[in-house]
Amino acid sequence: MTMDETTSKSGAGRLTTQDLLTLTKFRLSVLVVVTTLVGFWLRKGPDWSVAQLLHTLVGATLAAFGAAVFNQLMEIEPDSRMERTADRPLPSGRISPTAAFVIGWLFSALALVHLTLRVNLEAAAITALTLVVYLFIYTPLKRQSAINTLVGAVSGALPPLIGWVGAAGARGEHDPFFRWSLLVEPGAIYLFALLFLWQLPHFLAINWMYREEYLKGGFVMLANEDEAGKKTSTHALAYAVAAVLLMLYPAWEHLVYSWVFVPGGLLLSGWLCGLAWRFFQDPTRATARRLFFCTLAWLPAVLFLTVMTWRSRP
């Protein structure tokens, strides 16, 4: 037995709470819970069942944990090469791949079974789709094509739809087997577009700040060969402009009280667009960092504004 193997095996017995939080990407999973909650609330309004909401959130949370575990399981080797991820439980050897596989499988399976039995088929199907896109398309694509960022944004935009369809409750006697109509309701379209457009400036800023790390890990990202930063910053600006335009959609569909939402949404998105413009004019780590922190504040602010001004009930 080599010294590395001895270290790995001895380290595997010292799994801490922090390791579990890292393995399940707890902070990212909180975002899934919040957006699922918002999706549920917007469709259901004040007339909601605590049990129905909790069952929906439990399923979404378990799925987020499972996806995080499997993602890290699939990226042990590249994570070990990047400084910011080398100390994660799997590449550092504090947990074995076999144990991680069992944990990820249990979380994912429980999520799908729970949502199917206690919420509805639509919520389970959207959750399954999220897992498939994230694990079997996005994760492998990260080492093949820069388009992975767009695919990842799709999987990240699906959780609010879990809440949206979960709020519809069980299928009625005269409902079709699968209620596709839930997914094309204006509220569902808005939530998906909001999360999709938010992720792109957010992750493009991260990509620019850590492009050397991504190169070490073997990930194919937009900023890898973009030393001047023009390509990355142009994309970030384009999606920020699209986010500004999106603020008009809920008003157009009469989903919100326009006289409050539109000025607030345009102000917030104008801020996002302004920092994306600065990044475009001067692509540096400092301007990317400011854009990144802006995105962290922008999403919760827009979600809060949406909840406060929402008036549509299906």
C-alpha atoms as a PDB file:
ATOM      1  CA  MET A   1       0.000   0.000   0.000  1.00  0.00           C
ATOM      2  CA  THR A   2       1.370   3.422  -0.949  1.00  0.00           C
ATOM      3  CA  MET A   3       1.537   6.436   1.331  1.00  0.00           C
ATOM      4  CA  ASP A   4      -1.185   8.147  -0.766  1.00  0.00           C
ATOM      5  CA  GLU A   5      -3.486   5.164  -0.333  1.00  0.00           C
ATOM      6  CA  THR A   6      -2.861   5.122   3.423  1.00  0.00           C
ATOM      7  CA  THR A   7      -3.649   8.834   3.661  1.00  0.00           C
ATOM      8  CA  SER A   8      -6.791   8.428   1.591  1.00  0.00           C
ATOM      9  CA  LYS A   9      -8.114   5.546   3.667  1.00  0.00           C
ATOM     10  CA  SER A  10      -7.337   7.158   6.989  1.00  0.00           C
ATOM     11  CA  GLY A  11      -8.810  10.456   5.827  1.00  0.00           C
ATOM     12  CA  ALA A  12     -12.038   8.792   4.742  1.00  0.00           C
ATOM     13  CA  GLY A  13     -12.870   8.084   8.363  1.00  0.00           C
ATOM     14  CA  ARG A  14     -12.772  11.739   9.336  1.00  0.00           C
ATOM     15  CA  LEU A  15     -15.725  13.014   7.334  1.00  0.00           C
ATOM     16  CA  THR A  16     -17.012  16.164   9.008  1.00  0.00           C
ATOM     17  CA  THR A  17     -20.198  18.191   8.834  1.00  0.00           C
ATOM     18  CA  GLN A  18     -18.329  20.691   6.672  1.00  0.00           C
ATOM     19  CA  ASP A  19     -17.399  17.880   4.305  1.00  0.00           C
ATOM     20  CA  LEU A  20     -21.043  16.877   3.972  1.00  0.00           C
ATOM     21  CA  LEU A  21     -22.019  20.489   3.317  1.00  0.00           C
ATOM     22  CA  THR A  22     -19.345  20.683   0.631  1.00  0.00           C
ATOM     23  CA  LEU A  23     -20.313  17.330  -0.882  1.00  0.00           C
ATOM     24  CA  THR A  24     -23.934  18.453  -1.231  1.00  0.00           C
ATOM     25  CA  LYS A  25     -22.945  21.998  -2.321  1.00  0.00           C
ATOM     26  CA  PHE A  26     -25.178  23.278   0.447  1.00  0.00           C
ATOM     27  CA  ARG A  27     -25.061  26.970  -0.465  1.00  0.00           C
ATOM     28  CA  LEU A  28     -25.965  26.254  -4.080  1.00  0.00           C
ATOM     29  CA  SER A  29     -28.698  23.884  -2.909  1.00  0.00           C
ATOM     30  CA  VAL A  30     -30.191  26.696  -0.807  1.00  0.00           C
ATOM     31  CA  LEU A  31     -30.689  28.633  -4.046  1.00  0.00           C
ATOM     32  CA  VAL A  32     -32.635  25.668  -5.440  1.00  0.00           C
ATOM     33  CA  VAL A  33     -34.860  25.654  -2.349  1.00  0.00           C
ATOM     34  CA  VAL A  34     -35.482  29.415  -2.544  1.00  0.00           C
ATOM     35  CA  THR A  35     -36.360  29.424  -6.241  1.00  0.00           C
ATOM     36  CA  THR A  36     -38.582  26.360  -5.798  1.00  0.00           C
ATOM     37  CA  LEU A  37     -40.355  28.167  -2.960  1.00  0.00           C
ATOM     38  CA  VAL A  38     -40.853  31.279  -5.095  1.00  0.00           C
ATOM     39  CA  GLY A  39     -42.241  29.223  -7.968  1.00  0.00           C
ATOM     40  CA  PHE A  40     -44.687  27.489  -5.619  1.00  0.00           C
ATOM     41  CA  TRP A  41     -45.790  30.734  -3.980  1.00  0.00           C
ATOM     42  CA  LEU A  42     -46.326  32.627  -7.230  1.00  0.00           C
ATOM     43  CA  ARG A  43     -48.631  29.987  -8.632  1.00  0.00           C
ATOM     44  CA  LYS A  44     -50.454  29.180  -5.434  1.00  0.00           C
ATOM     45  CA  GLY A  45     -50.594  32.565  -3.696  1.00  0.00           C
ATOM     46  CA  PRO A  46     -51.894  32.799  -0.127  1.00  0.00           C
ATOM     47  CA  ASP A  47     -54.143  29.772  -0.635  1.00  0.00           C
ATOM     48  CA  TRP A  48     -51.515  27.120  -0.041  1.00  0.00           C
ATOM     49  CA  SER A  49     -51.071  23.981   1.998  1.00  0.00           C
ATOM     50  CA  VAL A  50     -48.092  23.754   4.348  1.00  0.00           C
ATOM     51  CA  ALA A  51     -47.831  20.008   3.728  1.00  0.00           C
ATOM     52  CA  GLN A  52     -47.909  20.422  -0.050  1.00  0.00           C
ATOM     53  CA  LEU A  53     -45.222  23.097   0.086  1.00  0.00           C
ATOM     54  CA  LEU A  54     -42.992  21.067   2.417  1.00  0.00           C
ATOM     55  CA  HIS A  55     -43.261  17.936   0.283  1.00  0.00           C
ATOM     56  CA  THR A  56     -42.289  19.952  -2.799  1.00  0.00           C
ATOM     57  CA  LEU A  57     -39.315  21.548  -1.026  1.00  0.00           C
ATOM     58  CA  VAL A  58     -38.122  18.226   0.419  1.00  0.00           C
ATOM     59  CA  GLY A  59     -38.106  16.639  -3.027  1.00  0.00           C
ATOM     60  CA  ALA A  60     -36.303  19.572  -4.648  1.00  0.00           C
ATOM     61  CA  THR A  61     -33.727  19.705  -1.854  1.00  0.00           C
ATOM     62  CA  LEU A  62     -32.941  15.987  -2.001  1.00  0.00           C
ATOM     63  CA  ALA A  63     -32.533  16.237  -5.778  1.00  0.00           C
ATOM     64  CA  ALA A  64     -30.175  19.210  -5.421  1.00  0.00           C
ATOM     65  CA  PHE A  65     -28.074  17.264  -2.911  1.00  0.00           C
ATOM     66  CA  GLY A  66     -27.983  14.211  -5.155  1.00  0.00           C
ATOM     67  CA  ALA A  67     -26.995  16.217  -8.229  1.00  0.00           C
ATOM     68  CA  ALA A  68     -24.191  17.929  -6.297  1.00  0.00           C
ATOM     69  CA  VAL A  69     -22.772  14.623  -5.066  1.00  0.00           C
ATOM     70  CA  PHE A  70     -22.844  12.992  -8.506  1.00  0.00           C
ATOM     71  CA  ASN A  71     -21.342  16.097 -10.123  1.00  0.00           C
ATOM     72  CA  GLN A  72     -18.342  15.976  -7.781  1.00  0.00           C
ATOM     73  CA  LEU A  73     -18.091  12.224  -8.219  1.00  0.00           C
ATOM     74  CA  MET A  74     -17.799  12.723 -11.980  1.00  0.00           C
ATOM     75  CA  GLU A  75     -15.182  15.466 -11.589  1.00  0.00           C
ATOM     76  CA  ILE A  76     -12.765  14.039  -9.020  1.00  0.00           C
ATOM     77  CA  GLU A  77      -9.786  14.165 -11.372  1.00  0.00           C
ATOM     78  CA  PRO A  78     -10.237  17.758 -12.671  1.00  0.00           C
ATOM     79  CA  ASP A  79     -11.157  18.981  -9.176  1.00  0.00           C
ATOM     80  CA  SER A  80      -7.884  17.574  -7.854  1.00  0.00           C
ATOM     81  CA  ARG A  81      -5.986  19.782 -10.313  1.00  0.00           C
ATOM     82  CA  MET A  82      -7.649  23.060  -9.349  1.00  0.00           C
ATOM     83  CA  GLU A  83      -6.557  24.898  -6.232  1.00  0.00           C
ATOM     84  CA  ARG A  84     -10.049  26.046  -5.259  1.00  0.00           C
ATOM     85  CA  THR A  85     -11.508  22.514  -5.442  1.00  0.00           C
ATOM     86  CA  ALA A  86      -8.571  20.232  -4.562  1.00  0.00           C
ATOM     87  CA  ASP A  87      -9.567  20.104  -0.885  1.00  0.00           C
ATOM     88  CA  ARG A  88     -13.098  18.881  -1.550  1.00  0.00           C
ATOM     89  CA  PRO A  89     -13.925  15.581   0.220  1.00  0.00           C
ATOM     90  CA  LEU A  90     -13.604  13.374  -2.881  1.00  0.00           C
ATOM     91  CA  PRO A  91     -10.342  14.606  -4.478  1.00  0.00           C
ATOM     92  CA  SER A  92      -8.737  14.905  -1.038  1.00  0.00           C
ATOM     93  CA  GLY A  93      -9.733  11.321  -0.195  1.00  0.00           C
ATOM     94  CA  ARG A  94     -11.791  12.124   2.909  1.00  0.00           C
ATOM     95  CA  ILE A  95     -14.710  10.200   1.432  1.00  0.00           C
ATOM     96  CA  SER A  96     -14.560   7.260  -0.949  1.00  0.00           C
ATOM     97  CA  PRO A  97     -16.200   7.320  -4.394  1.00  0.00           C
ATOM     98  CA  THR A  98     -18.285   4.290  -3.409  1.00  0.00           C
ATOM     99  CA  ALA A  99     -19.722   6.062  -0.374  1.00  0.00           C
ATOM    100  CA  ALA A 100     -20.393   9.182  -2.443  1.00  0.00           C
ATOM    101  CA  PHE A 101     -22.172   7.113  -5.106  1.00  0.00           C
ATOM    102  CA  VAL A 102     -24.466   5.553  -2.500  1.00  0.00           C
ATOM    103  CA  ILE A 103     -25.221   8.936  -0.951  1.00  0.00           C
ATOM    104  CA  GLY A 104     -25.936  10.544  -4.335  1.00  0.00           C
ATOM    105  CA  TRP A 105     -28.089   7.644  -5.481  1.00  0.00           C
ATOM    106  CA  LEU A 106     -30.142   7.674  -2.270  1.00  0.00           C
ATOM    107  CA  PHE A 107     -30.733  11.426  -2.409  1.00  0.00           C
ATOM    108  CA  SER A 108     -31.755  11.347  -6.084  1.00  0.00           C
ATOM    109  CA  ALA A 109     -33.972   8.267  -5.833  1.00  0.00           C
ATOM    110  CA  LEU A 110     -35.714   9.505  -2.697  1.00  0.00           C
ATOM    111  CA  ALA A 111     -36.346  12.865  -4.374  1.00  0.00           C
ATOM    112  CA  LEU A 112     -38.069  11.336  -7.399  1.00  0.00           C
ATOM    113  CA  VAL A 113     -40.092   8.823  -5.388  1.00  0.00           C
ATOM    114  CA  HIS A 114     -41.147  11.442  -2.849  1.00  0.00           C
ATOM    115  CA  LEU A 115     -42.266  13.942  -5.476  1.00  0.00           C
ATOM    116  CA  THR A 116     -44.154  11.281  -7.451  1.00  0.00           C
ATOM    117  CA  LEU A 117     -46.030   9.968  -4.422  1.00  0.00           C
ATOM    118  CA  ARG A 118     -46.554  13.130  -2.372  1.00  0.00           C
ATOM    119  CA  VAL A 119     -46.668  15.981  -4.907  1.00  0.00           C
ATOM    120  CA  ASN A 120     -47.378  15.103  -8.545  1.00  0.00           C
ATOM    121  CA  LEU A 121     -45.935  13.501 -11.653  1.00  0.00           C
ATOM    122  CA  GLU A 122     -45.085  16.866 -13.217  1.00  0.00           C
ATOM    123  CA  ALA A 123     -42.840  17.901 -10.319  1.00  0.00           C
ATOM    124  CA  ALA A 124     -41.061  14.536 -10.416  1.00  0.00           C
ATOM    125  CA  ALA A 125     -40.619  14.795 -14.205  1.00  0.00           C
ATOM    126  CA  ILE A 126     -39.109  18.308 -14.042  1.00  0.00           C
ATOM    127  CA  THR A 127     -36.791  17.128 -11.271  1.00  0.00           C
ATOM    128  CA  ALA A 128     -35.719  14.113 -13.327  1.00  0.00           C
ATOM    129  CA  LEU A 129     -35.106  16.394 -16.312  1.00  0.00           C
ATOM    130  CA  THR A 130     -32.966  18.668 -14.139  1.00  0.00           C
ATOM    131  CA  LEU A 131     -30.837  15.714 -13.017  1.00  0.00           C
ATOM    132  CA  VAL A 132     -30.445  14.393 -16.564  1.00  0.00           C
ATOM    133  CA  VAL A 133     -29.438  17.752 -18.058  1.00  0.00           C
ATOM    134  CA  TYR A 134     -27.077  18.584 -15.199  1.00  0.00           C
ATOM    135  CA  LEU A 135     -25.360  15.226 -14.855  1.00  0.00           C
ATOM    136  CA  PHE A 136     -25.475  13.618 -18.287  1.00  0.00           C
ATOM    137  CA  ILE A 137     -25.269  16.637 -20.596  1.00  0.00           C
ATOM    138  CA  TYR A 138     -23.812  19.633 -18.754  1.00  0.00           C
ATOM    139  CA  THR A 139     -21.149  17.867 -16.656  1.00  0.00           C
ATOM    140  CA  PRO A 140     -19.549  15.860 -19.530  1.00  0.00           C
ATOM    141  CA  LEU A 141     -19.888  18.863 -21.861  1.00  0.00           C
ATOM    142  CA  LYS A 142     -17.710  20.981 -19.562  1.00  0.00           C
ATOM    143  CA  ARG A 143     -14.683  19.112 -20.914  1.00  0.00           C
ATOM    144  CA  GLN A 144     -15.777  19.259 -24.550  1.00  0.00           C
ATOM    145  CA  SER A 145     -17.389  22.572 -25.497  1.00  0.00           C
ATOM    146  CA  ALA A 146     -17.858  26.110 -24.170  1.00  0.00           C
ATOM    147  CA  ILE A 147     -21.565  25.744 -24.903  1.00  0.00           C
ATOM    148  CA  ASN A 148     -21.741  23.922 -21.557  1.00  0.00           C
ATOM    149  CA  THR A 149     -22.506  27.259 -19.854  1.00  0.00           C
ATOM    150  CA  LEU A 150     -25.777  27.561 -21.785  1.00  0.00           C
ATOM    151  CA  VAL A 151     -26.711  23.958 -21.004  1.00  0.00           C
ATOM    152  CA  GLY A 152     -25.882  24.476 -17.336  1.00  0.00           C
ATOM    153  CA  ALA A 153     -28.104  27.553 -17.308  1.00  0.00           C
ATOM    154  CA  VAL A 154     -31.002  25.405 -18.530  1.00  0.00           C
ATOM    155  CA  SER A 155     -30.629  22.934 -15.655  1.00  0.00           C
ATOM    156  CA  GLY A 156     -30.276  25.829 -13.201  1.00  0.00           C
ATOM    157  CA  ALA A 157     -33.456  27.444 -14.503  1.00  0.00           C
ATOM    158  CA  LEU A 158     -35.651  24.387 -13.927  1.00  0.00           C
ATOM    159  CA  PRO A 159     -35.986  24.374 -10.075  1.00  0.00           C
ATOM    160  CA  PRO A 160     -38.560  27.217  -9.924  1.00  0.00           C
ATOM    161  CA  LEU A 161     -40.677  25.144 -12.300  1.00  0.00           C
ATOM    162  CA  ILE A 162     -40.618  22.302  -9.777  1.00  0.00           C
ATOM    163  CA  GLY A 163     -42.301  24.679  -7.346  1.00  0.00           C
ATOM    164  CA  TRP A 164     -44.642  26.024 -10.022  1.00  0.00           C
ATOM    165  CA  VAL A 165     -45.981  22.625 -11.092  1.00  0.00           C
ATOM    166  CA  GLY A 166     -45.877  21.344  -7.518  1.00  0.00           C
ATOM    167  CA  ALA A 167     -48.310  24.077  -6.538  1.00  0.00           C
ATOM    168  CA  ALA A 168     -50.820  22.685  -9.046  1.00  0.00           C
ATOM    169  CA  GLY A 169     -51.357  19.733  -6.744  1.00  0.00           C
ATOM    170  CA  ALA A 170     -52.554  16.285  -7.677  1.00  0.00           C
ATOM    171  CA  ARG A 171     -54.030  15.567 -11.099  1.00  0.00           C
ATOM    172  CA  GLY A 172     -57.777  15.956 -11.266  1.00  0.00           C
ATOM    173  CA  GLU A 173     -60.152  13.286 -12.495  1.00  0.00           C
ATOM    174  CA  HIS A 174     -60.556  14.907 -15.903  1.00  0.00           C
ATOM    175  CA  ASP A 175     -56.958  16.172 -16.269  1.00  0.00           C
ATOM    176  CA  PRO A 176     -54.611  14.617 -18.833  1.00  0.00           C
ATOM    177  CA  PHE A 177     -52.042  12.114 -17.582  1.00  0.00           C
ATOM    178  CA  PHE A 178     -49.312  14.774 -17.832  1.00  0.00           C
ATOM    179  CA  ARG A 179     -50.323  18.453 -17.644  1.00  0.00           C
ATOM    180  CA  TRP A 180     -47.998  19.997 -20.240  1.00  0.00           C
ATOM    181  CA  SER A 181     -50.004  23.213 -20.076  1.00  0.00           C
ATOM    182  CA  LEU A 182     -48.470  24.002 -16.662  1.00  0.00           C
ATOM    183  CA  LEU A 183     -45.068  24.483 -18.297  1.00  0.00           C
ATOM    184  CA  VAL A 184     -46.227  27.087 -20.816  1.00  0.00           C
ATOM    185  CA  GLU A 185     -48.131  29.295 -18.416  1.00  0.00           C
ATOM    186  CA  PRO A 186     -46.718  32.855 -18.545  1.00  0.00           C
ATOM    187  CA  GLY A 187     -45.528  32.673 -14.941  1.00  0.00           C
ATOM    188  CA  ALA A 188     -43.548  29.509 -15.622  1.00  0.00           C
ATOM    189  CA  ILE A 189     -41.985  31.039 -18.733  1.00  0.00           C
ATOM    190  CA  TYR A 190     -40.987  34.172 -16.807  1.00  0.00           C
ATOM    191  CA  LEU A 191     -39.380  32.235 -13.945  1.00  0.00           C
ATOM    192  CA  PHE A 192     -37.427  29.984 -16.303  1.00  0.00           C
ATOM    193  CA  ALA A 193     -36.182  32.956 -18.341  1.00  0.00           C
ATOM    194  CA  LEU A 194     -35.263  34.907 -15.204  1.00  0.00           C
ATOM    195  CA  LEU A 195     -33.090  32.124 -13.781  1.00  0.00           C
ATOM    196  CA  PHE A 196     -31.600  31.332 -17.184  1.00  0.00           C
ATOM    197  CA  LEU A 197     -30.543  34.915 -17.903  1.00  0.00           C
ATOM    198  CA  TRP A 198     -29.247  35.484 -14.362  1.00  0.00           C
ATOM    199  CA  GLN A 199     -26.871  32.538 -14.506  1.00  0.00           C
ATOM    200  CA  LEU A 200     -25.054  33.623 -17.648  1.00  0.00           C
ATOM    201  CA  PRO A 201     -23.473  36.918 -16.503  1.00  0.00           C
ATOM    202  CA  HIS A 202     -22.937  35.260 -13.115  1.00  0.00           C
ATOM    203  CA  PHE A 203     -20.972  32.289 -14.442  1.00  0.00           C
ATOM    204  CA  LEU A 204     -19.208  34.237 -17.185  1.00  0.00           C
ATOM    205  CA  ALA A 205     -17.812  36.534 -14.495  1.00  0.00           C
ATOM    206  CA  ILE A 206     -16.659  33.505 -12.479  1.00  0.00           C
ATOM    207  CA  ASN A 207     -15.177  31.952 -15.613  1.00  0.00           C
ATOM    208  CA  TRP A 208     -13.157  35.099 -16.299  1.00  0.00           C
ATOM    209  CA  MET A 209     -11.902  35.406 -12.724  1.00  0.00           C
ATOM    210  CA  TYR A 210     -10.800  31.755 -12.546  1.00  0.00           C
ATOM    211  CA  ARG A 211      -9.927  31.020 -16.173  1.00  0.00           C
ATOM    212  CA  GLU A 212      -6.449  29.736 -15.241  1.00  0.00           C
ATOM    213  CA  GLU A 213      -8.028  27.299 -12.804  1.00  0.00           C
ATOM    214  CA  TYR A 214     -10.488  26.034 -15.411  1.00  0.00           C
ATOM    215  CA  LEU A 215      -7.611  25.484 -17.808  1.00  0.00           C
ATOM    216  CA  LYS A 216      -5.787  23.434 -15.158  1.00  0.00           C
ATOM    217  CA  GLY A 217      -8.903  21.348 -14.619  1.00  0.00           C
ATOM    218  CA  GLY A 218      -9.275  20.653 -18.336  1.00  0.00           C
ATOM    219  CA  PHE A 219     -12.617  22.434 -18.635  1.00  0.00           C
ATOM    220  CA  VAL A 220     -13.494  24.053 -21.967  1.00  0.00           C
ATOM    221  CA  MET A 221     -14.874  27.482 -21.070  1.00  0.00           C
ATOM    222  CA  LEU A 222     -15.529  30.622 -23.085  1.00  0.00           C
ATOM    223  CA  ALA A 223     -12.792  32.612 -21.340  1.00  0.00           C
ATOM    224  CA  ASN A 224     -10.073  29.982 -21.695  1.00  0.00           C
ATOM    225  CA  GLU A 225      -8.622  31.392 -24.911  1.00  0.00           C
ATOM    226  CA  ASP A 226     -10.088  34.862 -24.485  1.00  0.00           C
ATOM    227  CA  GLU A 227      -7.073  36.642 -23.060  1.00  0.00           C
ATOM    228  CA  ALA A 228      -8.362  40.113 -23.974  1.00  0.00           C
ATOM    229  CA  GLY A 229     -11.732  39.332 -22.413  1.00  0.00           C
ATOM    230  CA  LYS A 230     -13.778  40.764 -25.265  1.00  0.00           C
ATOM    231  CA  LYS A 231     -15.654  37.591 -26.116  1.00  0.00           C
ATOM    232  CA  THR A 232     -16.555  36.814 -22.499  1.00  0.00           C
ATOM    233  CA  SER A 233     -17.566  40.389 -21.662  1.00  0.00           C
ATOM    234  CA  THR A 234     -19.605  40.726 -24.882  1.00  0.00           C
ATOM    235  CA  HIS A 235     -21.623  37.641 -23.985  1.00  0.00           C
ATOM    236  CA  ALA A 236     -22.116  38.857 -20.413  1.00  0.00           C
ATOM    237  CA  LEU A 237     -23.348  42.233 -21.675  1.00  0.00           C
ATOM    238  CA  ALA A 238     -25.735  40.649 -24.170  1.00  0.00           C
ATOM    239  CA  TYR A 239     -27.400  38.525 -21.502  1.00  0.00           C
ATOM    240  CA  ALA A 240     -27.584  41.493 -19.119  1.00  0.00           C
ATOM    241  CA  VAL A 241     -29.399  43.498 -21.831  1.00  0.00           C
ATOM    242  CA  ALA A 242     -31.769  40.537 -22.298  1.00  0.00           C
ATOM    243  CA  ALA A 243     -32.454  40.627 -18.539  1.00  0.00           C
ATOM    244  CA  VAL A 244     -33.466  44.292 -18.863  1.00  0.00           C
ATOM    245  CA  LEU A 245     -35.921  43.404 -21.633  1.00  0.00           C
ATOM    246  CA  LEU A 246     -37.311  40.501 -19.598  1.00  0.00           C
ATOM    247  CA  MET A 247     -38.561  42.982 -16.992  1.00  0.00           C
ATOM    248  CA  LEU A 248     -41.258  44.023 -19.492  1.00  0.00           C
ATOM    249  CA  TYR A 249     -42.657  40.513 -19.950  1.00  0.00           C
ATOM    250  CA  PRO A 250     -44.536  40.147 -16.616  1.00  0.00           C
ATOM    251  CA  ALA A 251     -46.173  43.524 -17.258  1.00  0.00           C
ATOM    252  CA  TRP A 252     -47.115  42.505 -20.798  1.00  0.00           C
ATOM    253  CA  GLU A 253     -48.743  39.331 -19.471  1.00  0.00           C
ATOM    254  CA  HIS A 254     -50.421  41.216 -16.580  1.00  0.00           C
ATOM    255  CA  LEU A 255     -48.647  39.021 -14.049  1.00  0.00           C
ATOM    256  CA  VAL A 256     -47.574  41.931 -11.840  1.00  0.00           C
ATOM    257  CA  TYR A 257     -48.641  45.412 -10.801  1.00  0.00           C
ATOM    258  CA  SER A 258     -46.749  47.125 -13.580  1.00  0.00           C
ATOM    259  CA  TRP A 259     -46.528  50.587 -12.025  1.00  0.00           C
ATOM    260  CA  VAL A 260     -44.337  49.133  -9.253  1.00  0.00           C
ATOM    261  CA  PHE A 261     -42.608  46.198 -10.914  1.00  0.00           C
ATOM    262  CA  VAL A 262     -41.472  47.800 -14.173  1.00  0.00           C
ATOM    263  CA  PRO A 263     -39.610  50.792 -12.665  1.00  0.00           C
ATOM    264  CA  GLY A 264     -38.066  48.591  -9.977  1.00  0.00           C
ATOM    265  CA  GLY A 265     -37.141  45.812 -12.396  1.00  0.00           C
ATOM    266  CA  LEU A 266     -35.647  48.215 -14.922  1.00  0.00           C
ATOM    267  CA  LEU A 267     -33.655  49.970 -12.198  1.00  0.00           C
ATOM    268  CA  LEU A 268     -32.219  46.706 -10.865  1.00  0.00           C
ATOM    269  CA  SER A 269     -31.501  45.308 -14.318  1.00  0.00           C
ATOM    270  CA  GLY A 270     -30.030  48.637 -15.405  1.00  0.00           C
ATOM    271  CA  TRP A 271     -27.559  48.256 -12.541  1.00  0.00           C
ATOM    272  CA  LEU A 272     -26.672  44.765 -13.766  1.00  0.00           C
ATOM    273  CA  CYS A 273     -26.335  46.035 -17.319  1.00  0.00           C
ATOM    274  CA  GLY A 274     -24.167  48.960 -16.200  1.00  0.00           C
ATOM    275  CA  LEU A 275     -21.648  46.681 -14.498  1.00  0.00           C
ATOM    276  CA  ALA A 276     -21.693  44.332 -17.497  1.00  0.00           C
ATOM    277  CA  TRP A 277     -20.924  47.377 -19.667  1.00  0.00           C
ATOM    278  CA  ARG A 278     -17.963  48.271 -17.427  1.00  0.00           C
ATOM    279  CA  PHE A 279     -16.714  44.703 -17.745  1.00  0.00           C
ATOM    280  CA  PHE A 280     -17.084  45.013 -21.520  1.00  0.00           C
ATOM    281  CA  GLN A 281     -15.165  48.295 -21.620  1.00  0.00           C
ATOM    282  CA  ASP A 282     -12.418  47.088 -19.285  1.00  0.00           C
ATOM    283  CA  PRO A 283     -12.282  43.276 -18.969  1.00  0.00           C
ATOM    284  CA  THR A 284     -10.280  42.842 -15.777  1.00  0.00           C
ATOM    285  CA  ARG A 285     -10.597  40.674 -12.705  1.00  0.00           C
ATOM    286  CA  ALA A 286     -11.824  43.737 -10.768  1.00  0.00           C
ATOM    287  CA  THR A 287     -14.694  44.531 -13.165  1.00  0.00           C
ATOM    288  CA  ALA A 288     -15.619  40.833 -13.410  1.00  0.00           C
ATOM    289  CA  ARG A 289     -15.673  40.622  -9.629  1.00  0.00           C
ATOM    290  CA  ARG A 290     -18.000  43.612  -9.350  1.00  0.00           C
ATOM    291  CA  LEU A 291     -20.327  42.051 -11.921  1.00  0.00           C
ATOM    292  CA  PHE A 292     -20.239  38.765 -10.017  1.00  0.00           C
ATOM    293  CA  PHE A 293     -21.227  40.395  -6.715  1.00  0.00           C
ATOM    294  CA  CYS A 294     -23.931  42.356  -8.500  1.00  0.00           C
ATOM    295  CA  THR A 295     -25.497  39.125  -9.738  1.00  0.00           C
ATOM    296  CA  LEU A 296     -25.550  37.786  -6.170  1.00  0.00           C
ATOM    297  CA  ALA A 297     -27.703  40.747  -5.125  1.00  0.00           C
ATOM    298  CA  TRP A 298     -29.691  41.139  -8.334  1.00  0.00           C
ATOM    299  CA  LEU A 299     -31.468  37.781  -8.331  1.00  0.00           C
ATOM    300  CA  PRO A 300     -32.874  37.890  -4.775  1.00  0.00           C
ATOM    301  CA  ALA A 301     -33.858  41.536  -5.299  1.00  0.00           C
ATOM    302  CA  VAL A 302     -35.781  40.762  -8.504  1.00  0.00           C
ATOM    303  CA  LEU A 303     -37.397  37.682  -6.934  1.00  0.00           C
ATOM    304  CA  PHE A 304     -38.488  39.766  -3.944  1.00  0.00           C
ATOM    305  CA  LEU A 305     -39.867  42.479  -6.233  1.00  0.00           C
ATOM    306  CA  THR A 306     -41.711  39.836  -8.241  1.00  0.00           C
ATOM    307  CA  VAL A 307     -43.302  38.287  -5.152  1.00  0.00           C
ATOM    308  CA  MET A 308     -44.324  41.689  -3.763  1.00  0.00           C
ATOM    309  CA  THR A 309     -45.956  42.864  -6.997  1.00  0.00           C
ATOM    310  CA  TRP A 310     -47.425  39.566  -8.267  1.00  0.00           C
ATOM    311  CA  ARG A 311     -51.141  39.579  -8.959  1.00  0.00           C
ATOM    312  CA  SER A 312     -51.845  36.734 -11.371  1.00  0.00           C
ATOM    313  CA  ARG A 313     -53.337  33.483 -10.231  1.00  0.00           C
ATOM    314  CA  PRO A 314     -53.880  30.712 -12.831  1.00  0.00           C
END
